[in-house]
Amino acid sequence: MEHSENCHELLGSLCDYIDGELSQELCAELERHMAECDDCRIVVDTLRKTIYLYHKTNSDPDVPGEVRERLFQTLKLDDYIK
């Protein structure tokens, strides 16, 4: 149970860790934890890959107006249709 609580506590600082904004002490603690915890290491690796893919593929896709309109209606975002 202690391991699970430690995971939850450390992963609460995950965004700051990924952004390089975590204090050196907490960063070292998180890295020690990940050295022993496969689950947390997988979470961090997956988040890093997700961020990388987002930045690599982030572009303004050319979506036809009709498709965009149907999508926004399906998502109930009619107020955002331009």
PDB file of N, CA and C in Angstrom:
ATOM      1  N   MET A   1       0.823  -1.202   0.000  1.00  0.00           N
ATOM      2  CA  MET A   1       0.000   0.000   0.000  1.00  0.00           C
ATOM      3  C   MET A   1       0.861   1.258   0.000  1.00  0.00           C
ATOM      4  N   GLU A   2       1.981   1.211   0.712  1.00  0.00           N
ATOM      5  CA  GLU A   2       2.859   2.377   0.787  1.00  0.00           C
ATOM      6  C   GLU A   2       3.385   2.743  -0.604  1.00  0.00           C
ATOM      7  N   HIS A   3       3.718   1.735  -1.399  1.00  0.00           N
ATOM      8  CA  HIS A   3       4.229   1.976  -2.745  1.00  0.00           C
ATOM      9  C   HIS A   3       3.182   2.714  -3.580  1.00  0.00           C
ATOM     10  N   SER A   4       1.940   2.280  -3.504  1.00  0.00           N
ATOM     11  CA  SER A   4       0.854   2.905  -4.254  1.00  0.00           C
ATOM     12  C   SER A   4       0.652   4.354  -3.829  1.00  0.00           C
ATOM     13  N   GLU A   5       0.691   4.629  -2.537  1.00  0.00           N
ATOM     14  CA  GLU A   5       0.544   6.004  -2.053  1.00  0.00           C
ATOM     15  C   GLU A   5       1.706   6.874  -2.533  1.00  0.00           C
ATOM     16  N   ASN A   6       2.907   6.318  -2.527  1.00  0.00           N
ATOM     17  CA  ASN A   6       4.083   7.037  -2.993  1.00  0.00           C
ATOM     18  C   ASN A   6       3.948   7.352  -4.484  1.00  0.00           C
ATOM     19  N   CYS A   7       3.428   6.398  -5.267  1.00  0.00           N
ATOM     20  CA  CYS A   7       3.205   6.617  -6.703  1.00  0.00           C
ATOM     21  C   CYS A   7       2.263   7.799  -6.899  1.00  0.00           C
ATOM     22  N   HIS A   8       1.157   7.767  -6.204  1.00  0.00           N
ATOM     23  CA  HIS A   8       0.149   8.820  -6.344  1.00  0.00           C
ATOM     24  C   HIS A   8       0.736  10.187  -5.993  1.00  0.00           C
ATOM     25  N   GLU A   9       1.474  10.245  -4.923  1.00  0.00           N
ATOM     26  CA  GLU A   9       2.074  11.506  -4.471  1.00  0.00           C
ATOM     27  C   GLU A   9       3.093  12.028  -5.475  1.00  0.00           C
ATOM     28  N   LEU A  10       3.965  11.158  -5.956  1.00  0.00           N
ATOM     29  CA  LEU A  10       5.004  11.588  -6.888  1.00  0.00           C
ATOM     30  C   LEU A  10       4.437  11.949  -8.252  1.00  0.00           C
ATOM     31  N   LEU A  11       3.453  11.202  -8.690  1.00  0.00           N
ATOM     32  CA  LEU A  11       2.885  11.488  -9.999  1.00  0.00           C
ATOM     33  C   LEU A  11       2.081  12.790 -10.000  1.00  0.00           C
ATOM     34  N   GLY A  12       1.740  13.279  -8.828  1.00  0.00           N
ATOM     35  CA  GLY A  12       1.098  14.582  -8.732  1.00  0.00           C
ATOM     36  C   GLY A  12       2.025  15.697  -9.196  1.00  0.00           C
ATOM     37  N   SER A  13       3.326  15.432  -9.185  1.00  0.00           N
ATOM     38  CA  SER A  13       4.330  16.410  -9.622  1.00  0.00           C
ATOM     39  C   SER A  13       4.807  16.136 -11.043  1.00  0.00           C
ATOM     40  N   LEU A  14       4.126  15.251 -11.725  1.00  0.00           N
ATOM     41  CA  LEU A  14       4.589  14.787 -13.031  1.00  0.00           C
ATOM     42  C   LEU A  14       4.714  15.899 -14.067  1.00  0.00           C
ATOM     43  N   CYS A  15       3.733  16.764 -14.159  1.00  0.00           N
ATOM     44  CA  CYS A  15       3.797  17.837 -15.164  1.00  0.00           C
ATOM     45  C   CYS A  15       5.007  18.738 -14.936  1.00  0.00           C
ATOM     46  N   ASP A  16       5.244  19.088 -13.678  1.00  0.00           N
ATOM     47  CA  ASP A  16       6.413  19.917 -13.368  1.00  0.00           C
ATOM     48  C   ASP A  16       7.707  19.180 -13.708  1.00  0.00           C
ATOM     49  N   TYR A  17       7.727  17.874 -13.482  1.00  0.00           N
ATOM     50  CA  TYR A  17       8.913  17.065 -13.804  1.00  0.00           C
ATOM     51  C   TYR A  17       9.160  17.069 -15.313  1.00  0.00           C
ATOM     52  N   ILE A  18       8.130  16.797 -16.081  1.00  0.00           N
ATOM     53  CA  ILE A  18       8.254  16.749 -17.540  1.00  0.00           C
ATOM     54  C   ILE A  18       8.655  18.117 -18.089  1.00  0.00           C
ATOM     55  N   ASP A  19       8.119  19.186 -17.513  1.00  0.00           N
ATOM     56  CA  ASP A  19       8.422  20.546 -17.973  1.00  0.00           C
ATOM     57  C   ASP A  19       9.773  21.054 -17.478  1.00  0.00           C
ATOM     58  N   GLY A  20      10.448  20.278 -16.611  1.00  0.00           N
ATOM     59  CA  GLY A  20      11.730  20.700 -16.078  1.00  0.00           C
ATOM     60  C   GLY A  20      11.608  21.768 -15.011  1.00  0.00           C
ATOM     61  N   GLU A  21      10.446  21.836 -14.358  1.00  0.00           N
ATOM     62  CA  GLU A  21      10.193  22.877 -13.360  1.00  0.00           C
ATOM     63  C   GLU A  21      10.152  22.333 -11.940  1.00  0.00           C
ATOM     64  N   LEU A  22      10.517  21.090 -11.759  1.00  0.00           N
ATOM     65  CA  LEU A  22      10.486  20.466 -10.444  1.00  0.00           C
ATOM     66  C   LEU A  22      11.813  20.724  -9.736  1.00  0.00           C
ATOM     67  N   SER A  23      11.763  20.937  -8.433  1.00  0.00           N
ATOM     68  CA  SER A  23      12.996  21.178  -7.682  1.00  0.00           C
ATOM     69  C   SER A  23      13.926  19.974  -7.829  1.00  0.00           C
ATOM     70  N   GLN A  24      15.214  20.206  -7.654  1.00  0.00           N
ATOM     71  CA  GLN A  24      16.200  19.133  -7.799  1.00  0.00           C
ATOM     72  C   GLN A  24      15.936  17.995  -6.819  1.00  0.00           C
ATOM     73  N   GLU A  25      15.540  18.331  -5.616  1.00  0.00           N
ATOM     74  CA  GLU A  25      15.253  17.307  -4.602  1.00  0.00           C
ATOM     75  C   GLU A  25      14.117  16.399  -5.042  1.00  0.00           C
ATOM     76  N   LEU A  26      12.998  17.004  -5.445  1.00  0.00           N
ATOM     77  CA  LEU A  26      11.844  16.215  -5.866  1.00  0.00           C
ATOM     78  C   LEU A  26      12.123  15.463  -7.158  1.00  0.00           C
ATOM     79  N   CYS A  27      12.890  16.073  -8.040  1.00  0.00           N
ATOM     80  CA  CYS A  27      13.257  15.424  -9.291  1.00  0.00           C
ATOM     81  C   CYS A  27      14.071  14.162  -8.998  1.00  0.00           C
ATOM     82  N   ALA A  28      15.030  14.264  -8.110  1.00  0.00           N
ATOM     83  CA  ALA A  28      15.847  13.108  -7.745  1.00  0.00           C
ATOM     84  C   ALA A  28      15.000  12.034  -7.074  1.00  0.00           C
ATOM     85  N   GLU A  29      14.065  12.441  -6.224  1.00  0.00           N
ATOM     86  CA  GLU A  29      13.181  11.488  -5.556  1.00  0.00           C
ATOM     87  C   GLU A  29      12.304  10.759  -6.573  1.00  0.00           C
ATOM     88  N   LEU A  30      11.770  11.497  -7.520  1.00  0.00           N
ATOM     89  CA  LEU A  30      10.927  10.898  -8.556  1.00  0.00           C
ATOM     90  C   LEU A  30      11.740   9.926  -9.411  1.00  0.00           C
ATOM     91  N   GLU A  31      12.954  10.291  -9.754  1.00  0.00           N
ATOM     92  CA  GLU A  31      13.800   9.416 -10.565  1.00  0.00           C
ATOM     93  C   GLU A  31      14.199   8.151  -9.801  1.00  0.00           C
ATOM     94  N   ARG A  32      14.451   8.278  -8.502  1.00  0.00           N
ATOM     95  CA  ARG A  32      14.738   7.082  -7.684  1.00  0.00           C
ATOM     96  C   ARG A  32      13.522   6.163  -7.663  1.00  0.00           C
ATOM     97  N   HIS A  33      12.356   6.769  -7.508  1.00  0.00           N
ATOM     98  CA  HIS A  33      11.131   5.983  -7.481  1.00  0.00           C
ATOM     99  C   HIS A  33      10.929   5.261  -8.814  1.00  0.00           C
ATOM    100  N   MET A  34      11.117   5.969  -9.917  1.00  0.00           N
ATOM    101  CA  MET A  34      10.902   5.359 -11.229  1.00  0.00           C
ATOM    102  C   MET A  34      11.907   4.249 -11.523  1.00  0.00           C
ATOM    103  N   ALA A  35      13.085   4.329 -10.919  1.00  0.00           N
ATOM    104  CA  ALA A  35      14.078   3.273 -11.102  1.00  0.00           C
ATOM    105  C   ALA A  35      13.585   1.949 -10.530  1.00  0.00           C
ATOM    106  N   GLU A  36      12.669   2.026  -9.572  1.00  0.00           N
ATOM    107  CA  GLU A  36      12.153   0.820  -8.929  1.00  0.00           C
ATOM    108  C   GLU A  36      10.701   0.520  -9.308  1.00  0.00           C
ATOM    109  N   CYS A  37      10.031   1.427  -9.982  1.00  0.00           N
ATOM    110  CA  CYS A  37       8.596   1.266 -10.249  1.00  0.00           C
ATOM    111  C   CYS A  37       8.332   1.297 -11.754  1.00  0.00           C
ATOM    112  N   ASP A  38       8.103   0.133 -12.314  1.00  0.00           N
ATOM    113  CA  ASP A  38       7.832   0.041 -13.752  1.00  0.00           C
ATOM    114  C   ASP A  38       6.583   0.821 -14.147  1.00  0.00           C
ATOM    115  N   ASP A  39       5.547   0.752 -13.325  1.00  0.00           N
ATOM    116  CA  ASP A  39       4.291   1.429 -13.660  1.00  0.00           C
ATOM    117  C   ASP A  39       4.485   2.936 -13.812  1.00  0.00           C
ATOM    118  N   CYS A  40       5.169   3.551 -12.875  1.00  0.00           N
ATOM    119  CA  CYS A  40       5.392   5.002 -12.946  1.00  0.00           C
ATOM    120  C   CYS A  40       6.307   5.359 -14.109  1.00  0.00           C
ATOM    121  N   ARG A  41       7.307   4.526 -14.356  1.00  0.00           N
ATOM    122  CA  ARG A  41       8.212   4.771 -15.476  1.00  0.00           C
ATOM    123  C   ARG A  41       7.429   4.721 -16.794  1.00  0.00           C
ATOM    124  N   ILE A  42       6.501   3.785 -16.905  1.00  0.00           N
ATOM    125  CA  ILE A  42       5.674   3.680 -18.115  1.00  0.00           C
ATOM    126  C   ILE A  42       4.796   4.919 -18.273  1.00  0.00           C
ATOM    127  N   VAL A  43       4.227   5.391 -17.172  1.00  0.00           N
ATOM    128  CA  VAL A  43       3.386   6.598 -17.226  1.00  0.00           C
ATOM    129  C   VAL A  43       4.208   7.787 -17.719  1.00  0.00           C
ATOM    130  N   VAL A  44       5.396   7.971 -17.177  1.00  0.00           N
ATOM    131  CA  VAL A  44       6.249   9.102 -17.566  1.00  0.00           C
ATOM    132  C   VAL A  44       6.667   8.974 -19.028  1.00  0.00           C
ATOM    133  N   ASP A  45       7.092   7.781 -19.439  1.00  0.00           N
ATOM    134  CA  ASP A  45       7.503   7.577 -20.832  1.00  0.00           C
ATOM    135  C   ASP A  45       6.351   7.820 -21.794  1.00  0.00           C
ATOM    136  N   THR A  46       5.176   7.350 -21.430  1.00  0.00           N
ATOM    137  CA  THR A  46       3.997   7.543 -22.285  1.00  0.00           C
ATOM    138  C   THR A  46       3.640   9.013 -22.401  1.00  0.00           C
ATOM    139  N   LEU A  47       3.694   9.734 -21.292  1.00  0.00           N
ATOM    140  CA  LEU A  47       3.396  11.170 -21.328  1.00  0.00           C
ATOM    141  C   LEU A  47       4.410  11.910 -22.196  1.00  0.00           C
ATOM    142  N   ARG A  48       5.677  11.578 -22.050  1.00  0.00           N
ATOM    143  CA  ARG A  48       6.709  12.228 -22.880  1.00  0.00           C
ATOM    144  C   ARG A  48       6.464  11.966 -24.365  1.00  0.00           C
ATOM    145  N   LYS A  49       6.144  10.725 -24.705  1.00  0.00           N
ATOM    146  CA  LYS A  49       5.884  10.385 -26.104  1.00  0.00           C
ATOM    147  C   LYS A  49       4.644  11.099 -26.623  1.00  0.00           C
ATOM    148  N   THR A  50       3.620  11.200 -25.790  1.00  0.00           N
ATOM    149  CA  THR A  50       2.395  11.893 -26.185  1.00  0.00           C
ATOM    150  C   THR A  50       2.680  13.363 -26.473  1.00  0.00           C
ATOM    151  N   ILE A  51       3.437  13.999 -25.602  1.00  0.00           N
ATOM    152  CA  ILE A  51       3.798  15.408 -25.798  1.00  0.00           C
ATOM    153  C   ILE A  51       4.615  15.568 -27.066  1.00  0.00           C
ATOM    154  N   TYR A  52       5.577  14.675 -27.275  1.00  0.00           N
ATOM    155  CA  TYR A  52       6.414  14.722 -28.480  1.00  0.00           C
ATOM    156  C   TYR A  52       5.554  14.597 -29.740  1.00  0.00           C
ATOM    157  N   LEU A  53       4.662  13.602 -29.752  1.00  0.00           N
ATOM    158  CA  LEU A  53       3.817  13.399 -30.925  1.00  0.00           C
ATOM    159  C   LEU A  53       2.881  14.572 -31.163  1.00  0.00           C
ATOM    160  N   TYR A  54       2.380  15.150 -30.092  1.00  0.00           N
ATOM    161  CA  TYR A  54       1.512  16.311 -30.233  1.00  0.00           C
ATOM    162  C   TYR A  54       2.262  17.455 -30.910  1.00  0.00           C
ATOM    163  N   HIS A  55       3.475  17.735 -30.431  1.00  0.00           N
ATOM    164  CA  HIS A  55       4.251  18.837 -31.002  1.00  0.00           C
ATOM    165  C   HIS A  55       4.667  18.529 -32.441  1.00  0.00           C
ATOM    166  N   LYS A  56       4.980  17.283 -32.711  1.00  0.00           N
ATOM    167  CA  LYS A  56       5.436  16.903 -34.047  1.00  0.00           C
ATOM    168  C   LYS A  56       4.301  16.967 -35.070  1.00  0.00           C
ATOM    169  N   THR A  57       3.119  16.586 -34.662  1.00  0.00           N
ATOM    170  CA  THR A  57       2.005  16.510 -35.612  1.00  0.00           C
ATOM    171  C   THR A  57       1.027  17.659 -35.474  1.00  0.00           C
ATOM    172  N   ASN A  58       1.290  18.590 -34.570  1.00  0.00           N
ATOM    173  CA  ASN A  58       0.352  19.686 -34.354  1.00  0.00           C
ATOM    174  C   ASN A  58       0.366  20.616 -35.556  1.00  0.00           C
ATOM    175  N   SER A  59      -0.684  20.552 -36.296  1.00  0.00           N
ATOM    176  CA  SER A  59      -0.856  21.456 -37.424  1.00  0.00           C
ATOM    177  C   SER A  59      -2.344  21.733 -37.554  1.00  0.00           C
ATOM    178  N   ASP A  60      -2.657  22.725 -38.280  1.00  0.00           N
ATOM    179  CA  ASP A  60      -4.055  23.077 -38.473  1.00  0.00           C
ATOM    180  C   ASP A  60      -4.553  22.287 -39.683  1.00  0.00           C
ATOM    181  N   PRO A  61      -5.239  21.184 -39.432  1.00  0.00           N
ATOM    182  CA  PRO A  61      -5.676  20.349 -40.550  1.00  0.00           C
ATOM    183  C   PRO A  61      -6.722  21.061 -41.394  1.00  0.00           C
ATOM    184  N   ASP A  62      -6.698  20.761 -42.660  1.00  0.00           N
ATOM    185  CA  ASP A  62      -7.664  21.339 -43.583  1.00  0.00           C
ATOM    186  C   ASP A  62      -8.900  20.449 -43.590  1.00  0.00           C
ATOM    187  N   VAL A  63      -9.821  20.746 -42.692  1.00  0.00           N
ATOM    188  CA  VAL A  63     -11.048  19.966 -42.557  1.00  0.00           C
ATOM    189  C   VAL A  63     -12.159  20.700 -43.297  1.00  0.00           C
ATOM    190  N   PRO A  64     -12.820  20.006 -44.220  1.00  0.00           N
ATOM    191  CA  PRO A  64     -13.927  20.660 -44.933  1.00  0.00           C
ATOM    192  C   PRO A  64     -14.977  21.171 -43.958  1.00  0.00           C
ATOM    193  N   GLY A  65     -15.563  22.322 -44.264  1.00  0.00           N
ATOM    194  CA  GLY A  65     -16.541  22.959 -43.388  1.00  0.00           C
ATOM    195  C   GLY A  65     -17.693  22.058 -42.997  1.00  0.00           C
ATOM    196  N   GLU A  66     -18.182  21.272 -43.951  1.00  0.00           N
ATOM    197  CA  GLU A  66     -19.306  20.375 -43.681  1.00  0.00           C
ATOM    198  C   GLU A  66     -18.921  19.310 -42.644  1.00  0.00           C
ATOM    199  N   VAL A  67     -17.739  18.763 -42.758  1.00  0.00           N
ATOM    200  CA  VAL A  67     -17.263  17.750 -41.804  1.00  0.00           C
ATOM    201  C   VAL A  67     -17.079  18.383 -40.430  1.00  0.00           C
ATOM    202  N   ARG A  68     -16.477  19.556 -40.409  1.00  0.00           N
ATOM    203  CA  ARG A  68     -16.269  20.268 -39.145  1.00  0.00           C
ATOM    204  C   ARG A  68     -17.605  20.554 -38.459  1.00  0.00           C
ATOM    205  N   GLU A  69     -18.584  21.000 -39.244  1.00  0.00           N
ATOM    206  CA  GLU A  69     -19.894  21.317 -38.694  1.00  0.00           C
ATOM    207  C   GLU A  69     -20.553  20.076 -38.088  1.00  0.00           C
ATOM    208  N   ARG A  70     -20.500  18.952 -38.788  1.00  0.00           N
ATOM    209  CA  ARG A  70     -21.090  17.706 -38.267  1.00  0.00           C
ATOM    210  C   ARG A  70     -20.384  17.253 -36.993  1.00  0.00           C
ATOM    211  N   LEU A  71     -19.071  17.373 -36.982  1.00  0.00           N
ATOM    212  CA  LEU A  71     -18.299  16.984 -35.795  1.00  0.00           C
ATOM    213  C   LEU A  71     -18.701  17.830 -34.598  1.00  0.00           C
ATOM    214  N   PHE A  72     -18.771  19.128 -34.783  1.00  0.00           N
ATOM    215  CA  PHE A  72     -19.122  20.021 -33.675  1.00  0.00           C
ATOM    216  C   PHE A  72     -20.553  19.795 -33.204  1.00  0.00           C
ATOM    217  N   GLN A  73     -21.456  19.489 -34.128  1.00  0.00           N
ATOM    218  CA  GLN A  73     -22.828  19.187 -33.736  1.00  0.00           C
ATOM    219  C   GLN A  73     -22.882  17.884 -32.948  1.00  0.00           C
ATOM    220  N   THR A  74     -22.127  16.890 -33.396  1.00  0.00           N
ATOM    221  CA  THR A  74     -22.076  15.603 -32.689  1.00  0.00           C
ATOM    222  C   THR A  74     -21.532  15.778 -31.282  1.00  0.00           C
ATOM    223  N   LEU A  75     -20.533  16.633 -31.131  1.00  0.00           N
ATOM    224  CA  LEU A  75     -19.924  16.885 -29.820  1.00  0.00           C
ATOM    225  C   LEU A  75     -20.700  17.929 -29.019  1.00  0.00           C
ATOM    226  N   LYS A  76     -21.787  18.380 -29.596  1.00  0.00           N
ATOM    227  CA  LYS A  76     -22.636  19.395 -28.952  1.00  0.00           C
ATOM    228  C   LYS A  76     -21.851  20.689 -28.681  1.00  0.00           C
ATOM    229  N   LEU A  77     -21.077  21.083 -29.680  1.00  0.00           N
ATOM    230  CA  LEU A  77     -20.286  22.314 -29.604  1.00  0.00           C
ATOM    231  C   LEU A  77     -20.763  23.303 -30.666  1.00  0.00           C
ATOM    232  N   ASP A  78     -22.059  23.323 -30.904  1.00  0.00           N
ATOM    233  CA  ASP A  78     -22.640  24.164 -31.943  1.00  0.00           C
ATOM    234  C   ASP A  78     -22.248  25.637 -31.808  1.00  0.00           C
ATOM    235  N   ASP A  79     -22.048  26.102 -30.610  1.00  0.00           N
ATOM    236  CA  ASP A  79     -21.697  27.507 -30.389  1.00  0.00           C
ATOM    237  C   ASP A  79     -20.330  27.856 -30.985  1.00  0.00           C
ATOM    238  N   TYR A  80     -19.486  26.833 -31.265  1.00  0.00           N
ATOM    239  CA  TYR A  80     -18.140  27.086 -31.758  1.00  0.00           C
ATOM    240  C   TYR A  80     -18.042  27.004 -33.273  1.00  0.00           C
ATOM    241  N   ILE A  81     -19.127  26.680 -33.927  1.00  0.00           N
ATOM    242  CA  ILE A  81     -19.100  26.584 -35.389  1.00  0.00           C
ATOM    243  C   ILE A  81     -18.989  27.985 -35.955  1.00  0.00           C
ATOM    244  N   LYS A  82     -18.042  28.146 -36.822  1.00  0.00           N
ATOM    245  CA  LYS A  82     -17.794  29.471 -37.432  1.00  0.00           C
ATOM    246  C   LYS A  82     -18.303  29.489 -38.838  1.00  0.00           C
TER     247      LYS A  82
END
